[in-house]
Amino acid sequence: MEARKLQPTGKSLMIVDDDPSMIDLFRQSMTKRGFEVITATSGPEGIEAFQKCEVPPDLVVSDMTMLAMDGFAFARALYALSPNTPVLIATGHDIDLAHAAATPNVVDLVMKPLQFRALAERVRAILGLEPGGS
Protein backbone atom coordinates (compact mmCIF):
# COMPACT_ATOMS: atom_id res chain seq x y z
CA MET A 1 0.00 0.00 0.00
CA GLU A 2 1.47 3.35 -1.05
CA ALA A 3 1.63 6.09 1.60
CA ARG A 4 -0.76 8.93 0.94
CA LYS A 5 0.94 12.27 0.34
CA LEU A 6 -0.87 15.14 1.98
CA GLN A 7 -1.67 18.49 0.41
CA PRO A 8 1.18 21.02 0.50
CA THR A 9 1.17 23.12 3.65
CA GLY A 10 2.85 26.08 1.96
CA LYS A 11 5.49 25.89 4.72
CA SER A 12 9.15 25.02 4.52
CA LEU A 13 11.42 23.40 7.07
CA MET A 14 15.17 23.15 7.38
CA ILE A 15 16.79 20.18 9.11
CA VAL A 16 20.37 20.54 10.35
CA ASP A 17 21.85 17.25 11.51
CA ASP A 18 25.22 15.56 11.03
CA ASP A 19 23.54 12.15 10.63
CA PRO A 20 22.64 11.60 6.94
CA SER A 21 20.13 8.87 7.81
CA MET A 22 18.28 11.27 10.16
CA ILE A 23 18.19 13.88 7.39
CA ASP A 24 16.78 11.33 4.93
CA LEU A 25 14.10 10.14 7.38
CA PHE A 26 13.14 13.73 8.24
CA ARG A 27 12.96 14.72 4.55
CA GLN A 28 10.81 11.72 3.64
CA SER A 29 8.50 12.10 6.62
CA MET A 30 7.95 15.84 6.36
CA THR A 31 7.70 15.91 2.56
CA LYS A 32 5.02 13.23 2.82
CA ARG A 33 3.21 15.55 5.24
CA GLY A 34 3.21 18.45 2.79
CA PHE A 35 6.29 20.42 3.85
CA GLU A 36 9.11 21.61 1.62
CA VAL A 37 12.41 20.50 3.21
CA ILE A 38 15.88 22.05 3.04
CA THR A 39 18.79 20.10 4.54
CA ALA A 40 22.24 20.76 5.95
CA THR A 41 24.76 18.44 7.61
CA SER A 42 26.38 20.93 9.99
CA GLY A 43 25.72 24.26 11.67
CA PRO A 44 28.01 26.22 9.32
CA GLU A 45 26.43 24.49 6.29
CA GLY A 46 23.00 25.33 7.72
CA ILE A 47 23.88 29.02 8.03
CA GLU A 48 25.19 29.02 4.45
CA ALA A 49 22.08 27.24 3.14
CA PHE A 50 19.84 29.64 5.07
CA GLN A 51 21.59 32.64 3.54
CA LYS A 52 21.05 31.21 0.05
CA CYS A 53 17.29 30.77 0.53
CA GLU A 54 15.18 33.22 -1.44
CA VAL A 55 12.47 32.74 1.17
CA PRO A 56 13.66 31.66 4.62
CA PRO A 57 12.30 28.41 6.01
CA ASP A 58 9.35 28.76 8.37
CA LEU A 59 11.03 26.57 11.00
CA VAL A 60 14.49 25.10 11.51
CA VAL A 61 14.98 21.78 13.29
CA SER A 62 18.54 21.38 14.55
CA ASP A 63 20.33 18.52 16.19
CA MET A 64 21.90 19.57 19.48
CA THR A 65 25.13 17.59 19.23
CA MET A 66 27.15 18.32 16.11
CA LEU A 67 30.91 18.65 15.73
CA ALA A 68 31.46 22.07 14.17
CA MET A 69 28.70 23.92 16.01
CA ASP A 70 26.18 22.66 18.56
CA GLY A 71 22.46 23.34 18.24
CA PHE A 72 22.44 26.37 20.55
CA ALA A 73 25.44 27.96 18.81
CA PHE A 74 23.69 27.36 15.49
CA ALA A 75 20.45 28.90 16.83
CA ARG A 76 22.34 31.98 18.06
CA ALA A 77 24.08 32.39 14.68
CA LEU A 78 20.73 32.04 12.93
CA TYR A 79 19.16 34.56 15.33
CA ALA A 80 21.76 37.13 14.26
CA LEU A 81 20.62 36.65 10.64
CA SER A 82 16.90 36.19 11.16
CA PRO A 83 15.56 36.77 14.69
CA ASN A 84 12.02 35.73 13.73
CA THR A 85 12.94 32.26 12.45
CA PRO A 86 12.06 29.69 15.12
CA VAL A 87 14.40 26.81 15.94
CA LEU A 88 13.37 23.45 17.36
CA ILE A 89 16.26 21.58 18.98
CA ALA A 90 16.39 17.77 18.77
CA THR A 91 18.56 15.97 21.29
CA GLY A 92 19.21 12.53 22.65
CA HIS A 93 20.73 13.91 25.87
CA ASP A 94 19.55 15.84 28.88
CA ILE A 95 20.26 19.53 28.40
CA ASP A 96 20.02 22.60 30.56
CA LEU A 97 16.63 24.19 29.91
CA ALA A 98 17.92 27.53 31.19
CA HIS A 99 20.43 27.48 28.34
CA ALA A 100 17.59 26.89 25.90
CA ALA A 101 15.59 29.75 27.42
CA ALA A 102 18.59 32.05 26.94
CA THR A 103 18.48 31.44 23.19
CA PRO A 104 15.50 33.57 22.09
CA ASN A 105 14.65 31.80 18.83
CA VAL A 106 14.63 28.28 20.35
CA VAL A 107 10.92 27.52 20.64
CA ASP A 108 11.04 23.95 21.93
CA LEU A 109 13.15 20.86 22.54
CA VAL A 110 12.32 17.35 21.32
CA MET A 111 13.97 14.12 22.38
CA LYS A 112 15.57 11.65 20.01
CA PRO A 113 14.89 9.14 18.72
CA LEU A 114 12.33 11.22 16.87
CA GLN A 115 8.81 9.94 16.49
CA PHE A 116 7.94 11.60 13.19
CA ARG A 117 4.18 11.58 13.65
CA ALA A 118 4.51 13.42 16.99
CA LEU A 119 7.20 15.68 15.54
CA ALA A 120 4.94 16.61 12.63
CA GLU A 121 2.18 17.57 15.07
CA ARG A 122 4.64 19.67 17.12
CA VAL A 123 5.86 21.40 13.93
CA ARG A 124 2.28 22.08 12.86
CA ALA A 125 1.51 23.58 16.28
CA ILE A 126 4.61 25.82 16.22
CA LEU A 127 3.65 27.04 12.74
CA GLY A 128 0.01 27.59 13.69
CA LEU A 129 -1.31 24.99 11.26
CA GLU A 130 -4.42 22.92 11.86
CA PRO A 131 -3.76 19.55 13.51
CA GLY A 132 -3.65 16.57 11.19
CA GLY A 133 -1.47 15.43 8.39
CA SER A 134 0.13 12.63 10.29
C-alpha atoms as a PDB file:
ATOM      1  CA  MET A   1       0.000   0.000   0.000  1.00  0.00           C
ATOM      2  CA  GLU A   2       1.467   3.346  -1.046  1.00  0.00           C
ATOM      3  CA  ALA A   3       1.630   6.087   1.596  1.00  0.00           C
ATOM      4  CA  ARG A   4      -0.755   8.931   0.941  1.00  0.00           C
ATOM      5  CA  LYS A   5       0.943  12.273   0.337  1.00  0.00           C
ATOM      6  CA  LEU A   6      -0.868  15.145   1.977  1.00  0.00           C
ATOM      7  CA  GLN A   7      -1.668  18.492   0.409  1.00  0.00           C
ATOM      8  CA  PRO A   8       1.176  21.016   0.495  1.00  0.00           C
ATOM      9  CA  THR A   9       1.174  23.122   3.650  1.00  0.00           C
ATOM     10  CA  GLY A  10       2.854  26.076   1.963  1.00  0.00           C
ATOM     11  CA  LYS A  11       5.487  25.886   4.724  1.00  0.00           C
ATOM     12  CA  SER A  12       9.151  25.024   4.518  1.00  0.00           C
ATOM     13  CA  LEU A  13      11.420  23.398   7.069  1.00  0.00           C
ATOM     14  CA  MET A  14      15.172  23.153   7.377  1.00  0.00           C
ATOM     15  CA  ILE A  15      16.793  20.178   9.107  1.00  0.00           C
ATOM     16  CA  VAL A  16      20.372  20.545  10.351  1.00  0.00           C
ATOM     17  CA  ASP A  17      21.845  17.250  11.506  1.00  0.00           C
ATOM     18  CA  ASP A  18      25.215  15.564  11.025  1.00  0.00           C
ATOM     19  CA  ASP A  19      23.543  12.154  10.627  1.00  0.00           C
ATOM     20  CA  PRO A  20      22.645  11.602   6.937  1.00  0.00           C
ATOM     21  CA  SER A  21      20.133   8.867   7.813  1.00  0.00           C
ATOM     22  CA  MET A  22      18.284  11.269  10.157  1.00  0.00           C
ATOM     23  CA  ILE A  23      18.193  13.878   7.395  1.00  0.00           C
ATOM     24  CA  ASP A  24      16.782  11.334   4.930  1.00  0.00           C
ATOM     25  CA  LEU A  25      14.105  10.142   7.381  1.00  0.00           C
ATOM     26  CA  PHE A  26      13.137  13.729   8.236  1.00  0.00           C
ATOM     27  CA  ARG A  27      12.959  14.719   4.550  1.00  0.00           C
ATOM     28  CA  GLN A  28      10.807  11.717   3.641  1.00  0.00           C
ATOM     29  CA  SER A  29       8.498  12.096   6.624  1.00  0.00           C
ATOM     30  CA  MET A  30       7.954  15.836   6.357  1.00  0.00           C
ATOM     31  CA  THR A  31       7.704  15.908   2.560  1.00  0.00           C
ATOM     32  CA  LYS A  32       5.020  13.230   2.816  1.00  0.00           C
ATOM     33  CA  ARG A  33       3.209  15.549   5.244  1.00  0.00           C
ATOM     34  CA  GLY A  34       3.211  18.446   2.791  1.00  0.00           C
ATOM     35  CA  PHE A  35       6.288  20.423   3.846  1.00  0.00           C
ATOM     36  CA  GLU A  36       9.114  21.611   1.620  1.00  0.00           C
ATOM     37  CA  VAL A  37      12.406  20.503   3.207  1.00  0.00           C
ATOM     38  CA  ILE A  38      15.875  22.048   3.037  1.00  0.00           C
ATOM     39  CA  THR A  39      18.785  20.098   4.543  1.00  0.00           C
ATOM     40  CA  ALA A  40      22.239  20.762   5.954  1.00  0.00           C
ATOM     41  CA  THR A  41      24.756  18.441   7.607  1.00  0.00           C
ATOM     42  CA  SER A  42      26.378  20.933   9.995  1.00  0.00           C
ATOM     43  CA  GLY A  43      25.722  24.259  11.666  1.00  0.00           C
ATOM     44  CA  PRO A  44      28.010  26.217   9.320  1.00  0.00           C
ATOM     45  CA  GLU A  45      26.431  24.493   6.291  1.00  0.00           C
ATOM     46  CA  GLY A  46      22.995  25.332   7.723  1.00  0.00           C
ATOM     47  CA  ILE A  47      23.880  29.018   8.025  1.00  0.00           C
ATOM     48  CA  GLU A  48      25.193  29.019   4.450  1.00  0.00           C
ATOM     49  CA  ALA A  49      22.081  27.241   3.137  1.00  0.00           C
ATOM     50  CA  PHE A  50      19.838  29.637   5.069  1.00  0.00           C
ATOM     51  CA  GLN A  51      21.588  32.645   3.539  1.00  0.00           C
ATOM     52  CA  LYS A  52      21.051  31.215   0.047  1.00  0.00           C
ATOM     53  CA  CYS A  53      17.288  30.771   0.528  1.00  0.00           C
ATOM     54  CA  GLU A  54      15.182  33.220  -1.445  1.00  0.00           C
ATOM     55  CA  VAL A  55      12.470  32.742   1.168  1.00  0.00           C
ATOM     56  CA  PRO A  56      13.663  31.663   4.616  1.00  0.00           C
ATOM     57  CA  PRO A  57      12.296  28.406   6.010  1.00  0.00           C
ATOM     58  CA  ASP A  58       9.354  28.763   8.374  1.00  0.00           C
ATOM     59  CA  LEU A  59      11.028  26.574  10.998  1.00  0.00           C
ATOM     60  CA  VAL A  60      14.485  25.101  11.514  1.00  0.00           C
ATOM     61  CA  VAL A  61      14.983  21.780  13.295  1.00  0.00           C
ATOM     62  CA  SER A  62      18.541  21.384  14.547  1.00  0.00           C
ATOM     63  CA  ASP A  63      20.332  18.515  16.194  1.00  0.00           C
ATOM     64  CA  MET A  64      21.899  19.568  19.482  1.00  0.00           C
ATOM     65  CA  THR A  65      25.131  17.589  19.229  1.00  0.00           C
ATOM     66  CA  MET A  66      27.155  18.318  16.109  1.00  0.00           C
ATOM     67  CA  LEU A  67      30.914  18.650  15.734  1.00  0.00           C
ATOM     68  CA  ALA A  68      31.463  22.068  14.172  1.00  0.00           C
ATOM     69  CA  MET A  69      28.704  23.916  16.013  1.00  0.00           C
ATOM     70  CA  ASP A  70      26.183  22.659  18.558  1.00  0.00           C
ATOM     71  CA  GLY A  71      22.464  23.340  18.235  1.00  0.00           C
ATOM     72  CA  PHE A  72      22.437  26.368  20.548  1.00  0.00           C
ATOM     73  CA  ALA A  73      25.443  27.961  18.808  1.00  0.00           C
ATOM     74  CA  PHE A  74      23.689  27.355  15.487  1.00  0.00           C
ATOM     75  CA  ALA A  75      20.449  28.899  16.831  1.00  0.00           C
ATOM     76  CA  ARG A  76      22.343  31.980  18.059  1.00  0.00           C
ATOM     77  CA  ALA A  77      24.083  32.394  14.685  1.00  0.00           C
ATOM     78  CA  LEU A  78      20.735  32.045  12.933  1.00  0.00           C
ATOM     79  CA  TYR A  79      19.160  34.565  15.329  1.00  0.00           C
ATOM     80  CA  ALA A  80      21.764  37.132  14.255  1.00  0.00           C
ATOM     81  CA  LEU A  81      20.616  36.649  10.638  1.00  0.00           C
ATOM     82  CA  SER A  82      16.897  36.189  11.160  1.00  0.00           C
ATOM     83  CA  PRO A  83      15.563  36.771  14.690  1.00  0.00           C
ATOM     84  CA  ASN A  84      12.023  35.730  13.733  1.00  0.00           C
ATOM     85  CA  THR A  85      12.936  32.258  12.445  1.00  0.00           C
ATOM     86  CA  PRO A  86      12.059  29.692  15.123  1.00  0.00           C
ATOM     87  CA  VAL A  87      14.401  26.811  15.942  1.00  0.00           C
ATOM     88  CA  LEU A  88      13.367  23.450  17.363  1.00  0.00           C
ATOM     89  CA  ILE A  89      16.265  21.578  18.981  1.00  0.00           C
ATOM     90  CA  ALA A  90      16.393  17.772  18.772  1.00  0.00           C
ATOM     91  CA  THR A  91      18.557  15.974  21.291  1.00  0.00           C
ATOM     92  CA  GLY A  92      19.207  12.530  22.645  1.00  0.00           C
ATOM     93  CA  HIS A  93      20.735  13.907  25.868  1.00  0.00           C
ATOM     94  CA  ASP A  94      19.554  15.842  28.876  1.00  0.00           C
ATOM     95  CA  ILE A  95      20.256  19.534  28.395  1.00  0.00           C
ATOM     96  CA  ASP A  96      20.021  22.601  30.559  1.00  0.00           C
ATOM     97  CA  LEU A  97      16.634  24.188  29.910  1.00  0.00           C
ATOM     98  CA  ALA A  98      17.922  27.532  31.185  1.00  0.00           C
ATOM     99  CA  HIS A  99      20.435  27.481  28.338  1.00  0.00           C
ATOM    100  CA  ALA A 100      17.585  26.890  25.895  1.00  0.00           C
ATOM    101  CA  ALA A 101      15.590  29.745  27.415  1.00  0.00           C
ATOM    102  CA  ALA A 102      18.585  32.052  26.936  1.00  0.00           C
ATOM    103  CA  THR A 103      18.482  31.439  23.186  1.00  0.00           C
ATOM    104  CA  PRO A 104      15.497  33.568  22.090  1.00  0.00           C
ATOM    105  CA  ASN A 105      14.650  31.796  18.832  1.00  0.00           C
ATOM    106  CA  VAL A 106      14.631  28.275  20.354  1.00  0.00           C
ATOM    107  CA  VAL A 107      10.920  27.520  20.639  1.00  0.00           C
ATOM    108  CA  ASP A 108      11.044  23.954  21.928  1.00  0.00           C
ATOM    109  CA  LEU A 109      13.148  20.860  22.542  1.00  0.00           C
ATOM    110  CA  VAL A 110      12.315  17.350  21.324  1.00  0.00           C
ATOM    111  CA  MET A 111      13.968  14.123  22.376  1.00  0.00           C
ATOM    112  CA  LYS A 112      15.570  11.646  20.013  1.00  0.00           C
ATOM    113  CA  PRO A 113      14.888   9.141  18.719  1.00  0.00           C
ATOM    114  CA  LEU A 114      12.332  11.219  16.870  1.00  0.00           C
ATOM    115  CA  GLN A 115       8.810   9.938  16.487  1.00  0.00           C
ATOM    116  CA  PHE A 116       7.941  11.601  13.188  1.00  0.00           C
ATOM    117  CA  ARG A 117       4.176  11.579  13.653  1.00  0.00           C
ATOM    118  CA  ALA A 118       4.510  13.424  16.989  1.00  0.00           C
ATOM    119  CA  LEU A 119       7.199  15.682  15.537  1.00  0.00           C
ATOM    120  CA  ALA A 120       4.939  16.610  12.632  1.00  0.00           C
ATOM    121  CA  GLU A 121       2.181  17.571  15.074  1.00  0.00           C
ATOM    122  CA  ARG A 122       4.636  19.674  17.116  1.00  0.00           C
ATOM    123  CA  VAL A 123       5.861  21.398  13.928  1.00  0.00           C
ATOM    124  CA  ARG A 124       2.277  22.083  12.864  1.00  0.00           C
ATOM    125  CA  ALA A 125       1.514  23.578  16.283  1.00  0.00           C
ATOM    126  CA  ILE A 126       4.607  25.816  16.223  1.00  0.00           C
ATOM    127  CA  LEU A 127       3.650  27.045  12.742  1.00  0.00           C
ATOM    128  CA  GLY A 128       0.008  27.591  13.685  1.00  0.00           C
ATOM    129  CA  LEU A 129      -1.313  24.988  11.259  1.00  0.00           C
ATOM    130  CA  GLU A 130      -4.420  22.923  11.863  1.00  0.00           C
ATOM    131  CA  PRO A 131      -3.759  19.553  13.514  1.00  0.00           C
ATOM    132  CA  GLY A 132      -3.649  16.571  11.189  1.00  0.00           C
ATOM    133  CA  GLY A 133      -1.468  15.432   8.391  1.00  0.00           C
ATOM    134  CA  SER A 134       0.127  12.628  10.287  1.00  0.00           C
END
